[in-house]
């Protein structure tokens, strides 16, 4: 599980956003994420519902 307040980074180290809330079942939690910058609509639509993967 990724804790609240964690930064989400790209593979090259840039910050994409921050986890602001973790909720749902412990085995498969959901994350509410505040993005660091607004995204264009096509890019935003692609990431809604995407999985968060820890490297």
N, C-alpha and C. Protein backbone atom coordinates (compact mmCIF):
# COMPACT_ATOMS: atom_id res chain seq x y z
N UNK A 1 0.85 -1.18 0.00
CA UNK A 1 0.00 0.00 0.00
C UNK A 1 0.89 1.24 0.00
N UNK A 2 0.49 2.22 -0.77
CA UNK A 2 1.19 3.50 -0.83
C UNK A 2 0.56 4.42 0.21
N UNK A 3 1.32 4.96 1.16
CA UNK A 3 0.73 5.79 2.21
C UNK A 3 0.31 7.17 1.71
N UNK A 4 -0.68 7.75 2.40
CA UNK A 4 -1.10 9.12 2.09
C UNK A 4 0.09 10.06 2.23
N UNK A 5 0.15 11.05 1.36
CA UNK A 5 1.25 12.01 1.37
C UNK A 5 2.42 11.61 0.50
N UNK A 6 2.38 10.39 -0.07
CA UNK A 6 3.47 9.93 -0.93
C UNK A 6 3.43 10.64 -2.27
N UNK A 7 4.60 10.99 -2.79
CA UNK A 7 4.69 11.56 -4.13
C UNK A 7 4.63 10.44 -5.16
N UNK A 8 3.99 10.70 -6.27
CA UNK A 8 3.99 9.79 -7.41
C UNK A 8 4.95 10.36 -8.43
N UNK A 9 5.91 9.58 -8.83
CA UNK A 9 6.96 10.06 -9.73
C UNK A 9 6.94 9.31 -11.06
N UNK A 10 7.46 9.97 -12.07
CA UNK A 10 7.63 9.31 -13.36
C UNK A 10 8.87 8.44 -13.30
N UNK A 11 9.11 7.66 -14.34
CA UNK A 11 10.28 6.79 -14.36
C UNK A 11 11.59 7.57 -14.43
N UNK A 12 11.53 8.86 -14.77
CA UNK A 12 12.74 9.69 -14.79
C UNK A 12 12.83 10.61 -13.57
N UNK A 13 11.94 10.41 -12.60
CA UNK A 13 12.04 11.13 -11.34
C UNK A 13 11.19 12.37 -11.17
N UNK A 14 10.47 12.79 -12.19
CA UNK A 14 9.60 13.96 -12.07
C UNK A 14 8.35 13.65 -11.27
N UNK A 15 7.90 14.59 -10.46
CA UNK A 15 6.70 14.38 -9.64
C UNK A 15 5.45 14.57 -10.49
N UNK A 16 4.55 13.58 -10.49
CA UNK A 16 3.29 13.65 -11.23
C UNK A 16 2.14 14.06 -10.33
N UNK A 17 2.25 13.76 -9.03
CA UNK A 17 1.17 14.08 -8.11
C UNK A 17 1.46 13.55 -6.73
N UNK A 18 0.42 13.59 -5.87
CA UNK A 18 0.55 13.16 -4.49
C UNK A 18 -0.70 12.38 -4.08
N UNK A 19 -0.51 11.32 -3.31
CA UNK A 19 -1.62 10.54 -2.78
C UNK A 19 -2.25 11.35 -1.64
N UNK A 20 -3.53 11.70 -1.78
CA UNK A 20 -4.19 12.50 -0.75
C UNK A 20 -5.13 11.68 0.11
N UNK A 21 -5.55 10.50 -0.37
CA UNK A 21 -6.45 9.66 0.43
C UNK A 21 -6.36 8.22 -0.05
N UNK A 22 -6.32 7.30 0.91
CA UNK A 22 -6.36 5.87 0.62
C UNK A 22 -7.65 5.35 1.24
N UNK A 23 -8.45 4.61 0.44
CA UNK A 23 -9.73 4.10 0.94
C UNK A 23 -10.06 2.78 0.26
N UNK A 24 -11.09 2.12 0.78
CA UNK A 24 -11.53 0.85 0.21
C UNK A 24 -10.93 -0.33 0.95
N UNK A 25 -11.02 -1.52 0.36
CA UNK A 25 -10.54 -2.72 1.04
C UNK A 25 -9.01 -2.73 1.18
N UNK A 26 -8.53 -3.30 2.26
CA UNK A 26 -7.10 -3.33 2.53
C UNK A 26 -6.36 -4.13 1.45
N UNK A 27 -6.95 -5.21 0.99
CA UNK A 27 -6.29 -6.06 -0.01
C UNK A 27 -6.13 -5.36 -1.36
N UNK A 28 -7.05 -4.48 -1.72
CA UNK A 28 -6.99 -3.77 -3.01
C UNK A 28 -7.48 -2.34 -2.82
N UNK A 29 -6.66 -1.49 -2.20
CA UNK A 29 -7.10 -0.12 -1.88
C UNK A 29 -7.24 0.75 -3.13
N UNK A 30 -8.03 1.81 -2.96
CA UNK A 30 -8.17 2.85 -3.98
C UNK A 30 -7.40 4.07 -3.49
N UNK A 31 -6.90 4.86 -4.43
CA UNK A 31 -6.13 6.05 -4.09
C UNK A 31 -6.75 7.27 -4.73
N UNK A 32 -6.87 8.34 -3.96
CA UNK A 32 -7.26 9.62 -4.49
C UNK A 32 -5.96 10.41 -4.67
N UNK A 33 -5.73 10.89 -5.88
CA UNK A 33 -4.45 11.52 -6.22
C UNK A 33 -4.69 12.94 -6.72
N UNK A 34 -3.91 13.86 -6.18
CA UNK A 34 -3.93 15.25 -6.66
C UNK A 34 -2.73 15.41 -7.60
N UNK A 35 -3.02 15.72 -8.85
CA UNK A 35 -1.96 15.87 -9.85
C UNK A 35 -1.19 17.16 -9.61
N UNK A 36 0.09 17.15 -9.98
CA UNK A 36 0.95 18.31 -9.82
C UNK A 36 0.60 19.42 -10.81
N UNK A 37 0.05 19.02 -11.96
CA UNK A 37 -0.36 20.01 -12.97
C UNK A 37 -1.60 19.48 -13.68
N UNK A 38 -2.44 20.38 -14.18
CA UNK A 38 -3.61 19.93 -14.94
C UNK A 38 -3.17 19.17 -16.20
N UNK A 39 -3.96 18.19 -16.58
CA UNK A 39 -3.67 17.42 -17.79
C UNK A 39 -4.66 17.75 -18.88
N UNK A 40 -4.22 17.68 -20.14
CA UNK A 40 -5.18 17.81 -21.25
C UNK A 40 -6.19 16.67 -21.17
N UNK A 41 -7.41 16.91 -21.59
CA UNK A 41 -8.50 15.94 -21.47
C UNK A 41 -8.15 14.56 -22.01
N UNK A 42 -7.55 14.42 -23.20
CA UNK A 42 -7.25 13.05 -23.69
C UNK A 42 -6.30 12.30 -22.77
N UNK A 43 -5.30 12.98 -22.22
CA UNK A 43 -4.35 12.32 -21.32
C UNK A 43 -5.03 11.97 -19.99
N UNK A 44 -5.86 12.87 -19.48
CA UNK A 44 -6.58 12.62 -18.23
C UNK A 44 -7.52 11.42 -18.38
N UNK A 45 -8.20 11.31 -19.50
CA UNK A 45 -9.12 10.20 -19.72
C UNK A 45 -8.39 8.86 -19.73
N UNK A 46 -7.14 8.84 -20.20
CA UNK A 46 -6.37 7.60 -20.24
C UNK A 46 -5.98 7.11 -18.86
N UNK A 47 -5.78 8.01 -17.90
CA UNK A 47 -5.27 7.57 -16.60
C UNK A 47 -6.36 7.32 -15.56
N UNK A 48 -7.59 7.71 -15.82
CA UNK A 48 -8.69 7.44 -14.87
C UNK A 48 -8.85 5.92 -14.74
N UNK A 49 -8.76 5.43 -13.51
CA UNK A 49 -8.88 4.00 -13.25
C UNK A 49 -7.60 3.22 -13.44
N UNK A 50 -6.50 3.91 -13.73
CA UNK A 50 -5.22 3.20 -13.94
C UNK A 50 -4.68 2.66 -12.63
N UNK A 51 -3.86 1.65 -12.72
CA UNK A 51 -3.23 1.05 -11.54
C UNK A 51 -2.00 1.86 -11.15
N UNK A 52 -1.74 1.91 -9.85
CA UNK A 52 -0.52 2.52 -9.33
C UNK A 52 0.45 1.40 -9.07
N UNK A 53 1.65 1.49 -9.65
CA UNK A 53 2.63 0.45 -9.51
C UNK A 53 3.86 1.02 -8.82
N UNK A 54 4.32 0.32 -7.80
CA UNK A 54 5.54 0.75 -7.11
C UNK A 54 6.72 0.06 -7.73
N UNK A 55 7.78 0.82 -7.98
CA UNK A 55 8.97 0.26 -8.59
C UNK A 55 9.91 -0.37 -7.61
